[in-house]
């Protein structure tokens, strides 16, 4: 999911879309950013994980993260399962290993 950072001279800025910081990114949906892209196009903004105009189809219907999922969505799924993992240093492959561990733990629990 896209993350917005303020890149202006002040540490923070308040706009009609919210308050933004230089150090703390604000995660927004791709759809939200695409609808408001004009407000964030200047050199005062840094946008990470932005894929303008791309419609993501990542859910194959099973609800289990795989390589087609975005890293942020895998991290959210892990968090919902009670696993906290920093997305800063973790690769998608490492996150998917954790998904496998969570699923394996569920199977062991069900068999007992």
PDB file of N, CA and C in Angstrom:
ATOM      1  N   UNK A   1       0.852  -1.170   0.000  1.00  0.00           N
ATOM      2  CA  UNK A   1       0.000   0.000   0.000  1.00  0.00           C
ATOM      3  C   UNK A   1       0.898   1.234   0.000  1.00  0.00           C
ATOM      4  N   UNK A   2       0.477   2.278  -0.685  1.00  0.00           N
ATOM      5  CA  UNK A   2       1.295   3.493  -0.749  1.00  0.00           C
ATOM      6  C   UNK A   2       1.469   4.141   0.623  1.00  0.00           C
ATOM      7  N   UNK A   3       2.640   4.724   0.806  1.00  0.00           N
ATOM      8  CA  UNK A   3       2.951   5.443   2.037  1.00  0.00           C
ATOM      9  C   UNK A   3       3.384   6.850   1.664  1.00  0.00           C
ATOM     10  N   UNK A   4       2.740   7.854   2.267  1.00  0.00           N
ATOM     11  CA  UNK A   4       3.029   9.254   1.982  1.00  0.00           C
ATOM     12  C   UNK A   4       3.937   9.848   3.052  1.00  0.00           C
ATOM     13  N   UNK A   5       4.956  10.573   2.602  1.00  0.00           N
ATOM     14  CA  UNK A   5       5.854  11.301   3.494  1.00  0.00           C
ATOM     15  C   UNK A   5       5.903  12.754   3.037  1.00  0.00           C
ATOM     16  N   UNK A   6       5.872  13.660   3.972  1.00  0.00           N
ATOM     17  CA  UNK A   6       6.054  15.075   3.688  1.00  0.00           C
ATOM     18  C   UNK A   6       7.544  15.302   3.455  1.00  0.00           C
ATOM     19  N   UNK A   7       7.918  15.995   2.389  1.00  0.00           N
ATOM     20  CA  UNK A   7       9.327  16.233   2.064  1.00  0.00           C
ATOM     21  C   UNK A   7       9.653  17.718   2.035  1.00  0.00           C
ATOM     22  N   UNK A   8       8.795  18.535   2.619  1.00  0.00           N
ATOM     23  CA  UNK A   8       9.032  19.972   2.652  1.00  0.00           C
ATOM     24  C   UNK A   8      10.009  20.358   3.751  1.00  0.00           C
ATOM     25  N   UNK A   9      10.159  21.659   3.970  1.00  0.00           N
ATOM     26  CA  UNK A   9      11.141  22.151   4.937  1.00  0.00           C
ATOM     27  C   UNK A   9      10.708  21.958   6.382  1.00  0.00           C
ATOM     28  N   UNK A  10       9.417  21.983   6.654  1.00  0.00           N
ATOM     29  CA  UNK A  10       8.923  21.774   8.024  1.00  0.00           C
ATOM     30  C   UNK A  10       8.868  20.280   8.333  1.00  0.00           C
ATOM     31  N   UNK A  11       8.876  19.944   9.617  1.00  0.00           N
ATOM     32  CA  UNK A  11       8.803  18.540  10.020  1.00  0.00           C
ATOM     33  C   UNK A  11       7.421  17.939   9.766  1.00  0.00           C
ATOM     34  N   UNK A  12       6.382  18.764   9.884  1.00  0.00           N
ATOM     35  CA  UNK A  12       4.999  18.306   9.693  1.00  0.00           C
ATOM     36  C   UNK A  12       4.244  19.314   8.848  1.00  0.00           C
ATOM     37  N   UNK A  13       3.210  18.821   8.211  1.00  0.00           N
ATOM     38  CA  UNK A  13       2.315  19.698   7.467  1.00  0.00           C
ATOM     39  C   UNK A  13       0.890  19.178   7.655  1.00  0.00           C
ATOM     40  N   UNK A  14      -0.038  20.095   7.724  1.00  0.00           N
ATOM     41  CA  UNK A  14      -1.456  19.736   7.829  1.00  0.00           C
ATOM     42  C   UNK A  14      -2.137  20.179   6.539  1.00  0.00           C
ATOM     43  N   UNK A  15      -2.821  19.247   5.899  1.00  0.00           N
ATOM     44  CA  UNK A  15      -3.561  19.541   4.673  1.00  0.00           C
ATOM     45  C   UNK A  15      -5.019  19.176   4.894  1.00  0.00           C
ATOM     46  N   UNK A  16      -5.834  19.393   3.884  1.00  0.00           N
ATOM     47  CA  UNK A  16      -7.240  19.006   4.024  1.00  0.00           C
ATOM     48  C   UNK A  16      -7.402  17.488   4.052  1.00  0.00           C
ATOM     49  N   UNK A  17      -6.325  16.755   3.727  1.00  0.00           N
ATOM     50  CA  UNK A  17      -6.361  15.289   3.752  1.00  0.00           C
ATOM     51  C   UNK A  17      -5.763  14.704   5.027  1.00  0.00           C
ATOM     52  N   UNK A  18      -5.271  15.550   5.916  1.00  0.00           N
ATOM     53  CA  UNK A  18      -4.723  15.063   7.166  1.00  0.00           C
ATOM     54  C   UNK A  18      -3.377  15.675   7.483  1.00  0.00           C
ATOM     55  N   UNK A  19      -2.744  15.179   8.538  1.00  0.00           N
ATOM     56  CA  UNK A  19      -1.435  15.661   8.962  1.00  0.00           C
ATOM     57  C   UNK A  19      -0.381  14.657   8.517  1.00  0.00           C
ATOM     58  N   UNK A  20       0.713  15.179   7.952  1.00  0.00           N
ATOM     59  CA  UNK A  20       1.760  14.329   7.415  1.00  0.00           C
ATOM     60  C   UNK A  20       3.106  14.732   8.006  1.00  0.00           C
ATOM     61  N   UNK A  21       3.989  13.752   8.154  1.00  0.00           N
ATOM     62  CA  UNK A  21       5.279  13.965   8.795  1.00  0.00           C
ATOM     63  C   UNK A  21       6.400  13.561   7.860  1.00  0.00           C
ATOM     64  N   UNK A  22       7.591  14.118   8.121  1.00  0.00           N
ATOM     65  CA  UNK A  22       8.769  13.733   7.345  1.00  0.00           C
ATOM     66  C   UNK A  22       9.276  12.367   7.761  1.00  0.00           C
ATOM     67  N   UNK A  23       9.110  12.016   9.030  1.00  0.00           N
ATOM     68  CA  UNK A  23       9.692  10.788   9.566  1.00  0.00           C
ATOM     69  C   UNK A  23       8.714   9.623   9.639  1.00  0.00           C
ATOM     70  N   UNK A  24       7.445   9.922   9.805  1.00  0.00           N
ATOM     71  CA  UNK A  24       6.438   8.873   9.947  1.00  0.00           C
ATOM     72  C   UNK A  24       5.551   8.868   8.711  1.00  0.00           C
ATOM     73  N   UNK A  25       5.590   7.779   7.992  1.00  0.00           N
ATOM     74  CA  UNK A  25       4.767   7.676   6.796  1.00  0.00           C
ATOM     75  C   UNK A  25       3.308   7.455   7.137  1.00  0.00           C
ATOM     76  N   UNK A  26       2.447   7.887   6.250  1.00  0.00           N
ATOM     77  CA  UNK A  26       1.018   7.668   6.381  1.00  0.00           C
ATOM     78  C   UNK A  26       0.596   6.683   5.298  1.00  0.00           C
ATOM     79  N   UNK A  27       0.155   5.506   5.708  1.00  0.00           N
ATOM     80  CA  UNK A  27      -0.240   4.475   4.757  1.00  0.00           C
ATOM     81  C   UNK A  27      -1.660   4.762   4.281  1.00  0.00           C
ATOM     82  N   UNK A  28      -1.844   4.764   2.965  1.00  0.00           N
ATOM     83  CA  UNK A  28      -3.153   5.000   2.362  1.00  0.00           C
ATOM     84  C   UNK A  28      -3.397   3.904   1.329  1.00  0.00           C
ATOM     85  N   UNK A  29      -4.624   3.736   0.936  1.00  0.00           N
ATOM     86  CA  UNK A  29      -4.920   2.738  -0.097  1.00  0.00           C
ATOM     87  C   UNK A  29      -4.541   3.307  -1.467  1.00  0.00           C
ATOM     88  N   UNK A  30      -4.288   2.422  -2.407  1.00  0.00           N
ATOM     89  CA  UNK A  30      -3.943   2.856  -3.760  1.00  0.00           C
ATOM     90  C   UNK A  30      -5.097   3.634  -4.372  1.00  0.00           C
ATOM     91  N   UNK A  31      -6.312   3.179  -4.128  1.00  0.00           N
ATOM     92  CA  UNK A  31      -7.496   3.857  -4.654  1.00  0.00           C
ATOM     93  C   UNK A  31      -7.606   5.275  -4.098  1.00  0.00           C
ATOM     94  N   UNK A  32      -7.377   5.433  -2.788  1.00  0.00           N
ATOM     95  CA  UNK A  32      -7.438   6.753  -2.154  1.00  0.00           C
ATOM     96  C   UNK A  32      -6.414   7.684  -2.779  1.00  0.00           C
ATOM     97  N   UNK A  33      -5.179   7.205  -2.957  1.00  0.00           N
ATOM     98  CA  UNK A  33      -4.127   8.037  -3.535  1.00  0.00           C
ATOM     99  C   UNK A  33      -4.427   8.371  -4.989  1.00  0.00           C
ATOM    100  N   UNK A  34      -4.919   7.401  -5.756  1.00  0.00           N
ATOM    101  CA  UNK A  34      -5.223   7.666  -7.162  1.00  0.00           C
ATOM    102  C   UNK A  34      -6.273   8.757  -7.312  1.00  0.00           C
ATOM    103  N   UNK A  35      -7.250   8.808  -6.395  1.00  0.00           N
ATOM    104  CA  UNK A  35      -8.299   9.836  -6.467  1.00  0.00           C
ATOM    105  C   UNK A  35      -7.780  11.213  -6.081  1.00  0.00           C
ATOM    106  N   UNK A  36      -6.700  11.280  -5.293  1.00  0.00           N
ATOM    107  CA  UNK A  36      -6.176  12.561  -4.793  1.00  0.00           C
ATOM    108  C   UNK A  36      -4.746  12.833  -5.270  1.00  0.00           C
ATOM    109  N   UNK A  37      -4.309  12.149  -6.300  1.00  0.00           N
ATOM    110  CA  UNK A  37      -2.931  12.205  -6.750  1.00  0.00           C
ATOM    111  C   UNK A  37      -2.449  13.630  -7.026  1.00  0.00           C
ATOM    112  N   UNK A  38      -3.293  14.475  -7.559  1.00  0.00           N
ATOM    113  CA  UNK A  38      -2.898  15.848  -7.878  1.00  0.00           C
ATOM    114  C   UNK A  38      -2.411  16.620  -6.668  1.00  0.00           C
ATOM    115  N   UNK A  39      -2.930  16.321  -5.505  1.00  0.00           N
ATOM    116  CA  UNK A  39      -2.530  17.031  -4.282  1.00  0.00           C
ATOM    117  C   UNK A  39      -1.155  16.605  -3.789  1.00  0.00           C
ATOM    118  N   UNK A  40      -0.634  15.478  -4.286  1.00  0.00           N
ATOM    119  CA  UNK A  40       0.628  14.944  -3.773  1.00  0.00           C
ATOM    120  C   UNK A  40       1.706  14.814  -4.853  1.00  0.00           C
ATOM    121  N   UNK A  41       1.542  15.526  -5.975  1.00  0.00           N
ATOM    122  CA  UNK A  41       2.486  15.408  -7.084  1.00  0.00           C
ATOM    123  C   UNK A  41       3.688  16.337  -6.984  1.00  0.00           C
ATOM    124  N   UNK A  42       3.675  17.315  -6.126  1.00  0.00           N
ATOM    125  CA  UNK A  42       4.776  18.282  -6.075  1.00  0.00           C
ATOM    126  C   UNK A  42       6.032  17.657  -5.480  1.00  0.00           C
ATOM    127  N   UNK A  43       7.109  18.397  -5.533  1.00  0.00           N
ATOM    128  CA  UNK A  43       8.383  17.907  -4.992  1.00  0.00           C
ATOM    129  C   UNK A  43       8.387  17.894  -3.462  1.00  0.00           C
ATOM    130  N   UNK A  44       7.312  18.354  -2.843  1.00  0.00           N
ATOM    131  CA  UNK A  44       7.222  18.360  -1.385  1.00  0.00           C
ATOM    132  C   UNK A  44       6.735  17.031  -0.820  1.00  0.00           C
ATOM    133  N   UNK A  45       6.525  16.043  -1.674  1.00  0.00           N
ATOM    134  CA  UNK A  45       5.995  14.759  -1.236  1.00  0.00           C
ATOM    135  C   UNK A  45       6.879  13.614  -1.698  1.00  0.00           C
ATOM    136  N   UNK A  46       7.011  12.623  -0.848  1.00  0.00           N
ATOM    137  CA  UNK A  46       7.691  11.379  -1.204  1.00  0.00           C
ATOM    138  C   UNK A  46       6.667  10.261  -1.025  1.00  0.00           C
ATOM    139  N   UNK A  47       6.489   9.476  -2.069  1.00  0.00           N
ATOM    140  CA  UNK A  47       5.498   8.394  -2.029  1.00  0.00           C
ATOM    141  C   UNK A  47       6.225   7.080  -2.266  1.00  0.00           C
ATOM    142  N   UNK A  48       6.070   6.158  -1.345  1.00  0.00           N
ATOM    143  CA  UNK A  48       6.673   4.831  -1.465  1.00  0.00           C
ATOM    144  C   UNK A  48       5.588   3.800  -1.746  1.00  0.00           C
ATOM    145  N   UNK A  49       5.967   2.734  -2.438  1.00  0.00           N
ATOM    146  CA  UNK A  49       5.054   1.627  -2.769  1.00  0.00           C
ATOM    147  C   UNK A  49       3.823   2.101  -3.530  1.00  0.00           C
ATOM    148  N   UNK A  50       4.048   3.005  -4.476  1.00  0.00           N
ATOM    149  CA  UNK A  50       2.964   3.572  -5.267  1.00  0.00           C
ATOM    150  C   UNK A  50       2.940   2.911  -6.637  1.00  0.00           C
ATOM    151  N   UNK A  51       1.779   2.422  -7.023  1.00  0.00           N
ATOM    152  CA  UNK A  51       1.601   1.802  -8.326  1.00  0.00           C
ATOM    153  C   UNK A  51       0.390   2.444  -8.992  1.00  0.00           C
ATOM    154  N   UNK A  52       0.550   3.657  -9.551  1.00  0.00           N
ATOM    155  CA  UNK A  52      -0.596   4.392 -10.092  1.00  0.00           C
ATOM    156  C   UNK A  52      -1.260   3.654 -11.248  1.00  0.00           C
ATOM    157  N   UNK A  53      -2.582   3.608 -11.171  1.00  0.00           N
ATOM    158  CA  UNK A  53      -3.365   3.026 -12.244  1.00  0.00           C
ATOM    159  C   UNK A  53      -3.341   1.515 -12.308  1.00  0.00           C
ATOM    160  N   UNK A  54      -2.704   0.863 -11.353  1.00  0.00           N
ATOM    161  CA  UNK A  54      -2.627  -0.595 -11.361  1.00  0.00           C
ATOM    162  C   UNK A  54      -3.723  -1.152 -10.466  1.00  0.00           C
ATOM    163  N   UNK A  55      -4.499  -2.041 -11.010  1.00  0.00           N
ATOM    164  CA  UNK A  55      -5.530  -2.709 -10.227  1.00  0.00           C
ATOM    165  C   UNK A  55      -4.944  -4.020  -9.730  1.00  0.00           C
ATOM    166  N   UNK A  56      -4.852  -4.156  -8.430  1.00  0.00           N
ATOM    167  CA  UNK A  56      -4.238  -5.348  -7.859  1.00  0.00           C
ATOM    168  C   UNK A  56      -5.278  -6.434  -7.676  1.00  0.00           C
ATOM    169  N   UNK A  57      -4.966  -7.598  -8.199  1.00  0.00           N
ATOM    170  CA  UNK A  57      -5.768  -8.780  -7.975  1.00  0.00           C
ATOM    171  C   UNK A  57      -4.862  -9.755  -7.259  1.00  0.00           C
ATOM    172  N   UNK A  58      -4.982  -9.776  -5.969  1.00  0.00           N
ATOM    173  CA  UNK A  58      -4.056 -10.591  -5.203  1.00  0.00           C
ATOM    174  C   UNK A  58      -4.737 -11.699  -4.437  1.00  0.00           C
ATOM    175  N   UNK A  59      -6.025 -11.672  -4.378  1.00  0.00           N
ATOM    176  CA  UNK A  59      -6.719 -12.670  -3.582  1.00  0.00           C
ATOM    177  C   UNK A  59      -7.233 -13.774  -4.489  1.00  0.00           C
ATOM    178  N   UNK A  60      -6.665 -14.960  -4.341  1.00  0.00           N
ATOM    179  CA  UNK A  60      -7.123 -16.087  -5.139  1.00  0.00           C
ATOM    180  C   UNK A  60      -8.287 -16.804  -4.463  1.00  0.00           C
ATOM    181  N   UNK A  61      -8.801 -16.190  -3.410  1.00  0.00           N
ATOM    182  CA  UNK A  61      -9.997 -16.710  -2.765  1.00  0.00           C
ATOM    183  C   UNK A  61      -9.764 -17.549  -1.525  1.00  0.00           C
ATOM    184  N   UNK A  62      -8.513 -17.942  -1.270  1.00  0.00           N
ATOM    185  CA  UNK A  62      -8.278 -18.788  -0.102  1.00  0.00           C
ATOM    186  C   UNK A  62      -7.944 -17.995   1.152  1.00  0.00           C
ATOM    187  N   UNK A  63      -7.632 -16.698   1.015  1.00  0.00           N
ATOM    188  CA  UNK A  63      -7.347 -15.863   2.180  1.00  0.00           C
ATOM    189  C   UNK A  63      -5.987 -16.084   2.800  1.00  0.00           C
ATOM    190  N   UNK A  64      -5.129 -16.859   2.119  1.00  0.00           N
ATOM    191  CA  UNK A  64      -3.790 -17.129   2.630  1.00  0.00           C
ATOM    192  C   UNK A  64      -2.777 -16.361   1.780  1.00  0.00           C
ATOM    193  N   UNK A  65      -1.901 -15.593   2.413  1.00  0.00           N
ATOM    194  CA  UNK A  65      -0.921 -14.813   1.654  1.00  0.00           C
ATOM    195  C   UNK A  65      -0.013 -15.684   0.792  1.00  0.00           C
ATOM    196  N   UNK A  66       0.297 -15.185  -0.400  1.00  0.00           N
ATOM    197  CA  UNK A  66       1.260 -15.837  -1.279  1.00  0.00           C
ATOM    198  C   UNK A  66       2.063 -14.746  -1.992  1.00  0.00           C
ATOM    199  N   UNK A  67       2.891 -15.119  -2.954  1.00  0.00           N
ATOM    200  CA  UNK A  67       3.779 -14.156  -3.619  1.00  0.00           C
ATOM    201  C   UNK A  67       3.026 -13.065  -4.370  1.00  0.00           C
ATOM    202  N   UNK A  68       1.747 -13.274  -4.666  1.00  0.00           N
ATOM    203  CA  UNK A  68       0.957 -12.253  -5.356  1.00  0.00           C
ATOM    204  C   UNK A  68       0.472 -11.160  -4.416  1.00  0.00           C
ATOM    205  N   UNK A  69       0.549 -11.393  -3.129  1.00  0.00           N
ATOM    206  CA  UNK A  69       0.103 -10.399  -2.153  1.00  0.00           C
ATOM    207  C   UNK A  69       1.158  -9.320  -2.007  1.00  0.00           C
ATOM    208  N   UNK A  70       0.717  -8.122  -1.668  1.00  0.00           N
ATOM    209  CA  UNK A  70       1.638  -7.036  -1.352  1.00  0.00           C
ATOM    210  C   UNK A  70       2.255  -7.285   0.012  1.00  0.00           C
ATOM    211  N   UNK A  71       3.474  -6.817   0.179  1.00  0.00           N
ATOM    212  CA  UNK A  71       4.197  -7.009   1.439  1.00  0.00           C
ATOM    213  C   UNK A  71       3.415  -6.430   2.622  1.00  0.00           C
ATOM    214  N   UNK A  72       2.839  -5.259   2.440  1.00  0.00           N
ATOM    215  CA  UNK A  72       2.074  -4.619   3.524  1.00  0.00           C
ATOM    216  C   UNK A  72       0.856  -5.449   3.901  1.00  0.00           C
ATOM    217  N   UNK A  73       0.226  -6.084   2.915  1.00  0.00           N
ATOM    218  CA  UNK A  73      -0.950  -6.905   3.205  1.00  0.00           C
ATOM    219  C   UNK A  73      -0.561  -8.196   3.922  1.00  0.00           C
ATOM    220  N   UNK A  74       0.608  -8.756   3.558  1.00  0.00           N
ATOM    221  CA  UNK A  74       1.095  -9.942   4.267  1.00  0.00           C
ATOM    222  C   UNK A  74       1.381  -9.583   5.718  1.00  0.00           C
ATOM    223  N   UNK A  75       1.997  -8.416   5.929  1.00  0.00           N
ATOM    224  CA  UNK A  75       2.296  -7.962   7.288  1.00  0.00           C
ATOM    225  C   UNK A  75       1.007  -7.788   8.088  1.00  0.00           C
ATOM    226  N   UNK A  76      -0.025  -7.238   7.466  1.00  0.00           N
ATOM    227  CA  UNK A  76      -1.310  -7.058   8.138  1.00  0.00           C
ATOM    228  C   UNK A  76      -1.931  -8.413   8.487  1.00  0.00           C
ATOM    229  N   UNK A  77      -1.859  -9.380   7.575  1.00  0.00           N
ATOM    230  CA  UNK A  77      -2.390 -10.717   7.835  1.00  0.00           C
ATOM    231  C   UNK A  77      -1.663 -11.338   9.017  1.00  0.00           C
ATOM    232  N   UNK A  78      -0.332 -11.225   9.045  1.00  0.00           N
ATOM    233  CA  UNK A  78       0.443 -11.766  10.160  1.00  0.00           C
ATOM    234  C   UNK A  78       0.046 -11.103  11.471  1.00  0.00           C
ATOM    235  N   UNK A  79      -0.139  -9.783  11.451  1.00  0.00           N
ATOM    236  CA  UNK A  79      -0.546  -9.057  12.652  1.00  0.00           C
ATOM    237  C   UNK A  79      -1.895  -9.571  13.153  1.00  0.00           C
ATOM    238  N   UNK A  80      -2.820  -9.815  12.227  1.00  0.00           N
ATOM    239  CA  UNK A  80      -4.141 -10.333  12.611  1.00  0.00           C
ATOM    240  C   UNK A  80      -4.049 -11.735  13.211  1.00  0.00           C
ATOM    241  N   UNK A  81      -2.974 -12.460  12.860  1.00  0.00           N
ATOM    242  CA  UNK A  81      -2.757 -13.796  13.418  1.00  0.00           C
ATOM    243  C   UNK A  81      -1.966 -13.746  14.719  1.00  0.00           C
ATOM    244  N   UNK A  82      -1.615 -12.536  15.170  1.00  0.00           N
ATOM    245  CA  UNK A  82      -0.885 -12.379  16.423  1.00  0.00           C
ATOM    246  C   UNK A  82       0.624 -12.389  16.276  1.00  0.00           C
ATOM    247  N   UNK A  83       1.110 -12.251  15.052  1.00  0.00           N
ATOM    248  CA  UNK A  83       2.551 -12.230  14.790  1.00  0.00           C
ATOM    249  C   UNK A  83       2.951 -10.821  14.416  1.00  0.00           C
ATOM    250  N   UNK A  84       3.826 -10.217  15.214  1.00  0.00           N
ATOM    251  CA  UNK A  84       4.316  -8.880  14.893  1.00  0.00           C
ATOM    252  C   UNK A  84       5.663  -9.004  14.207  1.00  0.00           C
ATOM    253  N   UNK A  85       5.767  -8.372  13.047  1.00  0.00           N
ATOM    254  CA  UNK A  85       6.980  -8.465  12.252  1.00  0.00           C
ATOM    255  C   UNK A  85       7.215  -7.118  11.599  1.00  0.00           C
ATOM    256  N   UNK A  86       8.409  -6.597  11.748  1.00  0.00           N
ATOM    257  CA  UNK A  86       8.738  -5.312  11.146  1.00  0.00           C
ATOM    258  C   UNK A  86       8.852  -5.469   9.641  1.00  0.00           C
ATOM    259  N   UNK A  87       8.175  -4.608   8.912  1.00  0.00           N
ATOM    260  CA  UNK A  87       8.238  -4.652   7.457  1.00  0.00           C
ATOM    261  C   UNK A  87       9.453  -3.947   6.899  1.00  0.00           C
ATOM    262  N   UNK A  88      10.214  -3.271   7.758  1.00  0.00           N
ATOM    263  CA  UNK A  88      11.359  -2.513   7.270  1.00  0.00           C
ATOM    264  C   UNK A  88      12.484  -3.420   6.783  1.00  0.00           C
ATOM    265  N   UNK A  89      12.797  -4.450   7.552  1.00  0.00           N
ATOM    266  CA  UNK A  89      13.915  -5.322   7.196  1.00  0.00           C
ATOM    267  C   UNK A  89      13.479  -6.665   6.649  1.00  0.00           C
ATOM    268  N   UNK A  90      12.246  -7.018   6.854  1.00  0.00           N
ATOM    269  CA  UNK A  90      11.762  -8.328   6.430  1.00  0.00           C
ATOM    270  C   UNK A  90      11.456  -8.325   4.931  1.00  0.00           C
ATOM    271  N   UNK A  91      11.886  -9.358   4.273  1.00  0.00           N
ATOM    272  CA  UNK A  91      11.556  -9.514   2.862  1.00  0.00           C
ATOM    273  C   UNK A  91      10.225 -10.233   2.745  1.00  0.00           C
ATOM    274  N   UNK A  92       9.664 -10.189   1.558  1.00  0.00           N
ATOM    275  CA  UNK A  92       8.405 -10.886   1.339  1.00  0.00           C
ATOM    276  C   UNK A  92       8.589 -12.383   1.588  1.00  0.00           C
ATOM    277  N   UNK A  93       9.734 -12.920   1.166  1.00  0.00           N
ATOM    278  CA  UNK A  93      10.006 -14.347   1.372  1.00  0.00           C
ATOM    279  C   UNK A  93      10.041 -14.693   2.863  1.00  0.00           C
ATOM    280  N   UNK A  94      10.680 -13.839   3.678  1.00  0.00           N
ATOM    281  CA  UNK A  94      10.731 -14.077   5.126  1.00  0.00           C
ATOM    282  C   UNK A  94       9.329 -14.025   5.730  1.00  0.00           C
ATOM    283  N   UNK A  95       8.528 -13.077   5.260  1.00  0.00           N
ATOM    284  CA  UNK A  95       7.163 -12.970   5.768  1.00  0.00           C
ATOM    285  C   UNK A  95       6.350 -14.211   5.401  1.00  0.00           C
ATOM    286  N   UNK A  96       6.545 -14.715   4.185  1.00  0.00           N
ATOM    287  CA  UNK A  96       5.812 -15.907   3.770  1.00  0.00           C
ATOM    288  C   UNK A  96       6.269 -17.140   4.550  1.00  0.00           C
ATOM    289  N   UNK A  97       7.544 -17.161   4.983  1.00  0.00           N
ATOM    290  CA  UNK A  97       8.000 -18.239   5.862  1.00  0.00           C
ATOM    291  C   UNK A  97       7.233 -18.195   7.182  1.00  0.00           C
ATOM    292  N   UNK A  98       7.013 -16.969   7.705  1.00  0.00           N
ATOM    293  CA  UNK A  98       6.235 -16.822   8.946  1.00  0.00           C
ATOM    294  C   UNK A  98       4.796 -17.285   8.723  1.00  0.00           C
ATOM    295  N   UNK A  99       4.241 -16.989   7.542  1.00  0.00           N
ATOM    296  CA  UNK A  99       2.885 -17.451   7.221  1.00  0.00           C
ATOM    297  C   UNK A  99       2.845 -18.973   7.292  1.00  0.00           C
ATOM    298  N   UNK A 100       3.850 -19.625   6.703  1.00  0.00           N
ATOM    299  CA  UNK A 100       3.914 -21.092   6.748  1.00  0.00           C
ATOM    300  C   UNK A 100       3.987 -21.595   8.184  1.00  0.00           C
ATOM    301  N   UNK A 101       4.766 -20.902   9.032  1.00  0.00           N
ATOM    302  CA  UNK A 101       4.879 -21.292  10.441  1.00  0.00           C
ATOM    303  C   UNK A 101       3.526 -21.167  11.149  1.00  0.00           C
ATOM    304  N   UNK A 102       2.814 -20.079  10.874  1.00  0.00           N
ATOM    305  CA  UNK A 102       1.492 -19.876  11.492  1.00  0.00           C
ATOM    306  C   UNK A 102       0.541 -20.974  11.048  1.00  0.00           C
ATOM    307  N   UNK A 103       0.541 -21.287   9.759  1.00  0.00           N
ATOM    308  CA  UNK A 103      -0.362 -22.314   9.243  1.00  0.00           C
ATOM    309  C   UNK A 103       0.013 -23.692   9.795  1.00  0.00           C
ATOM    310  N   UNK A 104       1.308 -23.975   9.914  1.00  0.00           N
ATOM    311  CA  UNK A 104       1.751 -25.254  10.475  1.00  0.00           C
ATOM    312  C   UNK A 104       1.337 -25.364  11.943  1.00  0.00           C
ATOM    313  N   UNK A 105       1.429 -24.276  12.682  1.00  0.00           N
ATOM    314  CA  UNK A 105       1.014 -24.287  14.099  1.00  0.00           C
ATOM    315  C   UNK A 105      -0.478 -24.543  14.219  1.00  0.00           C
ATOM    316  N   UNK A 106      -1.264 -24.008  13.280  1.00  0.00           N
ATOM    317  CA  UNK A 106      -2.715 -24.249  13.312  1.00  0.00           C
ATOM    318  C   UNK A 106      -3.020 -25.711  13.059  1.00  0.00           C
ATOM    319  N   UNK A 107      -2.288 -26.361  12.159  1.00  0.00           N
ATOM    320  CA  UNK A 107      -2.515 -27.770  11.856  1.00  0.00           C
ATOM    321  C   UNK A 107      -2.182 -28.630  13.060  1.00  0.00           C
ATOM    322  N   UNK A 108      -1.074 -28.348  13.724  1.00  0.00           N
ATOM    323  CA  UNK A 108      -0.678 -29.103  14.922  1.00  0.00           C
ATOM    324  C   UNK A 108      -1.721 -28.941  16.007  1.00  0.00           C
ATOM    325  N   UNK A 109      -2.222 -27.731  16.193  1.00  0.00           N
ATOM    326  CA  UNK A 109      -3.234 -27.475  17.224  1.00  0.00           C
ATOM    327  C   UNK A 109      -4.524 -28.242  16.915  1.00  0.00           C
ATOM    328  N   UNK A 110      -4.910 -28.295  15.647  1.00  0.00           N
ATOM    329  CA  UNK A 110      -6.136 -29.000  15.285  1.00  0.00           C
ATOM    330  C   UNK A 110      -6.004 -30.500  15.485  1.00  0.00           C
ATOM    331  N   UNK A 111      -4.814 -31.062  15.250  1.00  0.00           N
ATOM    332  CA  UNK A 111      -4.606 -32.503  15.386  1.00  0.00           C
ATOM    333  C   UNK A 111      -4.598 -32.944  16.833  1.00  0.00           C
ATOM    334  N   UNK A 112      -4.231 -32.088  17.757  1.00  0.00           N
ATOM    335  CA  UNK A 112      -4.127 -32.459  19.177  1.00  0.00           C
ATOM    336  C   UNK A 112      -5.446 -32.642  19.827  1.00  0.00           C
TER     337      UNK A 112
END
